[in-house]
Amino acid sequence: QVQLVESGGGLVQAGGSLRLSCAASGITVSINGRGWYRQLPGNQREMVAYITSGGNTNYADSVKGRFTISGDGARNTVYLQMNTLKPEDTAVYYCVFTTGWGNSWGRGTQVTVSS
Protein backbone atom coordinates (compact mmCIF):
# COMPACT_ATOMS: atom_id res chain seq x y z
CA GLN A 1 0.00 0.00 0.00
CA VAL A 2 1.41 3.36 -1.06
CA GLN A 3 1.59 6.00 1.63
CA LEU A 4 2.75 9.59 1.23
CA VAL A 5 3.37 11.79 4.24
CA GLU A 6 3.90 15.54 3.92
CA SER A 7 5.51 17.79 6.49
CA GLY A 8 6.83 21.31 6.81
CA GLY A 9 3.69 23.37 6.45
CA GLY A 10 2.76 26.11 8.85
CA LEU A 11 2.19 29.81 9.35
CA VAL A 12 4.69 32.30 8.00
CA GLN A 13 4.74 36.02 7.32
CA ALA A 14 4.81 37.34 3.79
CA GLY A 15 8.36 37.32 2.47
CA GLY A 16 9.30 34.32 4.56
CA SER A 17 10.27 30.80 3.58
CA LEU A 18 9.08 27.26 4.19
CA ARG A 19 10.37 23.89 3.06
CA LEU A 20 7.87 21.11 2.44
CA SER A 21 8.90 17.48 2.51
CA CYS A 22 7.10 14.37 1.35
CA ALA A 23 8.19 10.80 1.98
CA ALA A 24 6.67 7.90 0.07
CA SER A 25 6.54 4.29 1.18
CA GLY A 26 5.15 1.14 -0.38
CA ILE A 27 6.17 2.02 -3.95
CA THR A 28 7.67 -1.03 -5.62
CA VAL A 29 7.66 0.16 -9.23
CA SER A 30 9.57 2.86 -11.05
CA ILE A 31 8.65 6.44 -10.23
CA ASN A 32 8.02 8.48 -13.36
CA GLY A 33 7.74 11.80 -11.58
CA ARG A 34 6.87 13.55 -8.35
CA GLY A 35 5.45 16.93 -7.56
CA TRP A 36 3.40 19.35 -5.53
CA TYR A 37 -0.12 20.65 -6.04
CA ARG A 38 -2.15 23.07 -3.97
CA GLN A 39 -5.82 23.68 -3.38
CA LEU A 40 -7.99 26.35 -1.84
CA PRO A 41 -11.48 25.52 -0.56
CA GLY A 42 -13.90 25.51 -3.47
CA ASN A 43 -11.10 25.63 -6.02
CA GLN A 44 -9.57 23.00 -8.21
CA ARG A 45 -6.25 21.49 -7.27
CA GLU A 46 -3.50 23.20 -9.28
CA MET A 47 0.00 22.12 -10.13
CA VAL A 48 2.71 24.05 -8.32
CA ALA A 49 5.85 22.18 -9.32
CA TYR A 50 6.73 18.84 -10.85
CA ILE A 51 9.95 16.96 -11.48
CA THR A 52 10.31 13.97 -13.77
CA SER A 53 12.55 10.98 -13.22
CA GLY A 54 14.89 12.53 -15.76
CA GLY A 55 15.20 15.69 -13.70
CA ASN A 56 13.07 17.95 -15.87
CA THR A 57 11.10 20.47 -13.83
CA ASN A 58 7.91 22.40 -14.46
CA TYR A 59 6.55 25.27 -12.37
CA ALA A 60 3.36 27.24 -12.25
CA ASP A 61 3.98 30.74 -13.54
CA SER A 62 2.95 32.20 -10.20
CA VAL A 63 5.81 30.49 -8.34
CA LYS A 64 8.63 30.62 -10.88
CA GLY A 65 11.75 32.11 -9.38
CA ARG A 66 10.44 31.67 -5.83
CA PHE A 67 9.87 27.91 -5.42
CA THR A 68 12.30 25.08 -6.10
CA ILE A 69 11.40 21.40 -6.32
CA SER A 70 13.88 18.63 -5.70
CA GLY A 71 13.73 14.93 -5.16
CA ASP A 72 15.80 12.16 -3.62
CA GLY A 73 15.26 9.05 -5.70
CA ALA A 74 17.02 6.74 -3.28
CA ARG A 75 14.79 7.82 -0.42
CA ASN A 76 11.55 8.28 -2.40
CA THR A 77 11.18 11.83 -1.21
CA VAL A 78 10.30 15.15 -2.79
CA TYR A 79 10.87 18.63 -1.43
CA LEU A 80 9.53 22.07 -2.16
CA GLN A 81 11.58 25.06 -1.07
CA MET A 82 9.30 28.07 -0.98
CA ASN A 83 10.87 31.51 -0.73
CA THR A 84 9.43 35.02 -0.80
CA LEU A 85 6.05 33.66 0.16
CA LYS A 86 2.94 35.72 -0.59
CA PRO A 87 -0.52 35.65 1.00
CA GLU A 88 -1.87 34.18 -2.24
CA ASP A 89 0.32 31.12 -1.69
CA THR A 90 -1.94 30.18 1.21
CA ALA A 91 -3.44 26.76 0.48
CA VAL A 92 -3.30 23.08 1.33
CA TYR A 93 -0.29 21.58 -0.42
CA TYR A 94 -0.35 17.98 -1.63
CA CYS A 95 2.53 15.88 -2.87
CA VAL A 96 2.05 13.39 -5.69
CA PHE A 97 4.10 10.49 -7.01
CA THR A 98 3.44 9.19 -10.52
CA THR A 99 4.13 5.54 -11.31
CA GLY A 100 2.77 2.89 -13.65
CA TRP A 101 -0.02 2.51 -11.08
CA GLY A 102 -1.11 6.10 -11.64
CA ASN A 103 -0.92 9.03 -9.22
CA SER A 104 -0.62 8.57 -5.48
CA TRP A 105 -1.43 11.56 -3.25
CA GLY A 106 -0.57 12.64 0.23
CA ARG A 107 -3.15 13.98 2.65
CA GLY A 108 -1.92 17.54 2.41
CA THR A 109 -0.23 20.10 4.62
CA GLN A 110 -1.56 23.59 5.31
CA VAL A 111 0.52 26.60 4.36
CA THR A 112 -0.71 29.96 5.59
CA VAL A 113 1.04 33.20 4.67
CA SER A 114 0.03 36.27 6.63
CA SER A 115 0.29 39.76 5.24
C-alpha atoms as a PDB file:
ATOM      1  CA  GLN A   1       0.000   0.000   0.000  1.00  0.00           C
ATOM      2  CA  VAL A   2       1.410   3.362  -1.063  1.00  0.00           C
ATOM      3  CA  GLN A   3       1.587   5.997   1.629  1.00  0.00           C
ATOM      4  CA  LEU A   4       2.752   9.586   1.225  1.00  0.00           C
ATOM      5  CA  VAL A   5       3.366  11.785   4.240  1.00  0.00           C
ATOM      6  CA  GLU A   6       3.898  15.537   3.918  1.00  0.00           C
ATOM      7  CA  SER A   7       5.507  17.785   6.488  1.00  0.00           C
ATOM      8  CA  GLY A   8       6.825  21.310   6.806  1.00  0.00           C
ATOM      9  CA  GLY A   9       3.685  23.365   6.448  1.00  0.00           C
ATOM     10  CA  GLY A  10       2.756  26.110   8.846  1.00  0.00           C
ATOM     11  CA  LEU A  11       2.189  29.805   9.346  1.00  0.00           C
ATOM     12  CA  VAL A  12       4.688  32.302   8.000  1.00  0.00           C
ATOM     13  CA  GLN A  13       4.741  36.021   7.323  1.00  0.00           C
ATOM     14  CA  ALA A  14       4.807  37.341   3.795  1.00  0.00           C
ATOM     15  CA  GLY A  15       8.361  37.320   2.465  1.00  0.00           C
ATOM     16  CA  GLY A  16       9.296  34.319   4.555  1.00  0.00           C
ATOM     17  CA  SER A  17      10.266  30.799   3.577  1.00  0.00           C
ATOM     18  CA  LEU A  18       9.080  27.257   4.187  1.00  0.00           C
ATOM     19  CA  ARG A  19      10.369  23.886   3.061  1.00  0.00           C
ATOM     20  CA  LEU A  20       7.874  21.114   2.437  1.00  0.00           C
ATOM     21  CA  SER A  21       8.900  17.479   2.509  1.00  0.00           C
ATOM     22  CA  CYS A  22       7.102  14.371   1.348  1.00  0.00           C
ATOM     23  CA  ALA A  23       8.186  10.802   1.979  1.00  0.00           C
ATOM     24  CA  ALA A  24       6.667   7.902   0.073  1.00  0.00           C
ATOM     25  CA  SER A  25       6.539   4.289   1.183  1.00  0.00           C
ATOM     26  CA  GLY A  26       5.148   1.142  -0.382  1.00  0.00           C
ATOM     27  CA  ILE A  27       6.173   2.019  -3.946  1.00  0.00           C
ATOM     28  CA  THR A  28       7.670  -1.029  -5.625  1.00  0.00           C
ATOM     29  CA  VAL A  29       7.659   0.161  -9.227  1.00  0.00           C
ATOM     30  CA  SER A  30       9.571   2.857 -11.048  1.00  0.00           C
ATOM     31  CA  ILE A  31       8.645   6.436 -10.229  1.00  0.00           C
ATOM     32  CA  ASN A  32       8.018   8.479 -13.363  1.00  0.00           C
ATOM     33  CA  GLY A  33       7.745  11.797 -11.575  1.00  0.00           C
ATOM     34  CA  ARG A  34       6.873  13.549  -8.350  1.00  0.00           C
ATOM     35  CA  GLY A  35       5.447  16.925  -7.561  1.00  0.00           C
ATOM     36  CA  TRP A  36       3.405  19.352  -5.531  1.00  0.00           C
ATOM     37  CA  TYR A  37      -0.116  20.646  -6.041  1.00  0.00           C
ATOM     38  CA  ARG A  38      -2.152  23.067  -3.969  1.00  0.00           C
ATOM     39  CA  GLN A  39      -5.820  23.678  -3.384  1.00  0.00           C
ATOM     40  CA  LEU A  40      -7.992  26.352  -1.842  1.00  0.00           C
ATOM     41  CA  PRO A  41     -11.485  25.519  -0.562  1.00  0.00           C
ATOM     42  CA  GLY A  42     -13.899  25.511  -3.475  1.00  0.00           C
ATOM     43  CA  ASN A  43     -11.105  25.629  -6.017  1.00  0.00           C
ATOM     44  CA  GLN A  44      -9.567  23.000  -8.214  1.00  0.00           C
ATOM     45  CA  ARG A  45      -6.251  21.487  -7.266  1.00  0.00           C
ATOM     46  CA  GLU A  46      -3.504  23.200  -9.276  1.00  0.00           C
ATOM     47  CA  MET A  47       0.002  22.116 -10.131  1.00  0.00           C
ATOM     48  CA  VAL A  48       2.710  24.046  -8.320  1.00  0.00           C
ATOM     49  CA  ALA A  49       5.853  22.178  -9.315  1.00  0.00           C
ATOM     50  CA  TYR A  50       6.728  18.841 -10.846  1.00  0.00           C
ATOM     51  CA  ILE A  51       9.951  16.959 -11.475  1.00  0.00           C
ATOM     52  CA  THR A  52      10.306  13.972 -13.774  1.00  0.00           C
ATOM     53  CA  SER A  53      12.547  10.980 -13.218  1.00  0.00           C
ATOM     54  CA  GLY A  54      14.889  12.531 -15.758  1.00  0.00           C
ATOM     55  CA  GLY A  55      15.200  15.686 -13.698  1.00  0.00           C
ATOM     56  CA  ASN A  56      13.069  17.954 -15.865  1.00  0.00           C
ATOM     57  CA  THR A  57      11.101  20.469 -13.833  1.00  0.00           C
ATOM     58  CA  ASN A  58       7.912  22.401 -14.461  1.00  0.00           C
ATOM     59  CA  TYR A  59       6.553  25.268 -12.370  1.00  0.00           C
ATOM     60  CA  ALA A  60       3.356  27.235 -12.248  1.00  0.00           C
ATOM     61  CA  ASP A  61       3.980  30.743 -13.539  1.00  0.00           C
ATOM     62  CA  SER A  62       2.946  32.200 -10.199  1.00  0.00           C
ATOM     63  CA  VAL A  63       5.806  30.494  -8.340  1.00  0.00           C
ATOM     64  CA  LYS A  64       8.634  30.618 -10.883  1.00  0.00           C
ATOM     65  CA  GLY A  65      11.753  32.113  -9.382  1.00  0.00           C
ATOM     66  CA  ARG A  66      10.442  31.668  -5.827  1.00  0.00           C
ATOM     67  CA  PHE A  67       9.874  27.913  -5.416  1.00  0.00           C
ATOM     68  CA  THR A  68      12.298  25.077  -6.097  1.00  0.00           C
ATOM     69  CA  ILE A  69      11.397  21.403  -6.324  1.00  0.00           C
ATOM     70  CA  SER A  70      13.885  18.633  -5.700  1.00  0.00           C
ATOM     71  CA  GLY A  71      13.733  14.925  -5.163  1.00  0.00           C
ATOM     72  CA  ASP A  72      15.804  12.164  -3.623  1.00  0.00           C
ATOM     73  CA  GLY A  73      15.263   9.050  -5.697  1.00  0.00           C
ATOM     74  CA  ALA A  74      17.022   6.737  -3.285  1.00  0.00           C
ATOM     75  CA  ARG A  75      14.793   7.825  -0.420  1.00  0.00           C
ATOM     76  CA  ASN A  76      11.547   8.281  -2.399  1.00  0.00           C
ATOM     77  CA  THR A  77      11.183  11.833  -1.206  1.00  0.00           C
ATOM     78  CA  VAL A  78      10.299  15.153  -2.790  1.00  0.00           C
ATOM     79  CA  TYR A  79      10.870  18.626  -1.430  1.00  0.00           C
ATOM     80  CA  LEU A  80       9.530  22.069  -2.161  1.00  0.00           C
ATOM     81  CA  GLN A  81      11.584  25.055  -1.071  1.00  0.00           C
ATOM     82  CA  MET A  82       9.302  28.071  -0.982  1.00  0.00           C
ATOM     83  CA  ASN A  83      10.875  31.512  -0.733  1.00  0.00           C
ATOM     84  CA  THR A  84       9.428  35.015  -0.800  1.00  0.00           C
ATOM     85  CA  LEU A  85       6.048  33.662   0.155  1.00  0.00           C
ATOM     86  CA  LYS A  86       2.943  35.715  -0.589  1.00  0.00           C
ATOM     87  CA  PRO A  87      -0.518  35.647   1.002  1.00  0.00           C
ATOM     88  CA  GLU A  88      -1.867  34.183  -2.244  1.00  0.00           C
ATOM     89  CA  ASP A  89       0.325  31.123  -1.687  1.00  0.00           C
ATOM     90  CA  THR A  90      -1.941  30.181   1.215  1.00  0.00           C
ATOM     91  CA  ALA A  91      -3.439  26.760   0.480  1.00  0.00           C
ATOM     92  CA  VAL A  92      -3.303  23.083   1.334  1.00  0.00           C
ATOM     93  CA  TYR A  93      -0.294  21.583  -0.421  1.00  0.00           C
ATOM     94  CA  TYR A  94      -0.352  17.979  -1.633  1.00  0.00           C
ATOM     95  CA  CYS A  95       2.527  15.877  -2.866  1.00  0.00           C
ATOM     96  CA  VAL A  96       2.046  13.392  -5.685  1.00  0.00           C
ATOM     97  CA  PHE A  97       4.097  10.490  -7.005  1.00  0.00           C
ATOM     98  CA  THR A  98       3.436   9.186 -10.517  1.00  0.00           C
ATOM     99  CA  THR A  99       4.128   5.542 -11.311  1.00  0.00           C
ATOM    100  CA  GLY A 100       2.767   2.890 -13.651  1.00  0.00           C
ATOM    101  CA  TRP A 101      -0.024   2.506 -11.083  1.00  0.00           C
ATOM    102  CA  GLY A 102      -1.108   6.099 -11.636  1.00  0.00           C
ATOM    103  CA  ASN A 103      -0.925   9.033  -9.216  1.00  0.00           C
ATOM    104  CA  SER A 104      -0.622   8.572  -5.479  1.00  0.00           C
ATOM    105  CA  TRP A 105      -1.432  11.556  -3.251  1.00  0.00           C
ATOM    106  CA  GLY A 106      -0.569  12.643   0.229  1.00  0.00           C
ATOM    107  CA  ARG A 107      -3.153  13.983   2.654  1.00  0.00           C
ATOM    108  CA  GLY A 108      -1.919  17.543   2.408  1.00  0.00           C
ATOM    109  CA  THR A 109      -0.233  20.097   4.618  1.00  0.00           C
ATOM    110  CA  GLN A 110      -1.558  23.593   5.310  1.00  0.00           C
ATOM    111  CA  VAL A 111       0.523  26.601   4.360  1.00  0.00           C
ATOM    112  CA  THR A 112      -0.706  29.963   5.594  1.00  0.00           C
ATOM    113  CA  VAL A 113       1.036  33.196   4.665  1.00  0.00           C
ATOM    114  CA  SER A 114       0.028  36.266   6.631  1.00  0.00           C
ATOM    115  CA  SER A 115       0.291  39.763   5.239  1.00  0.00           C
END
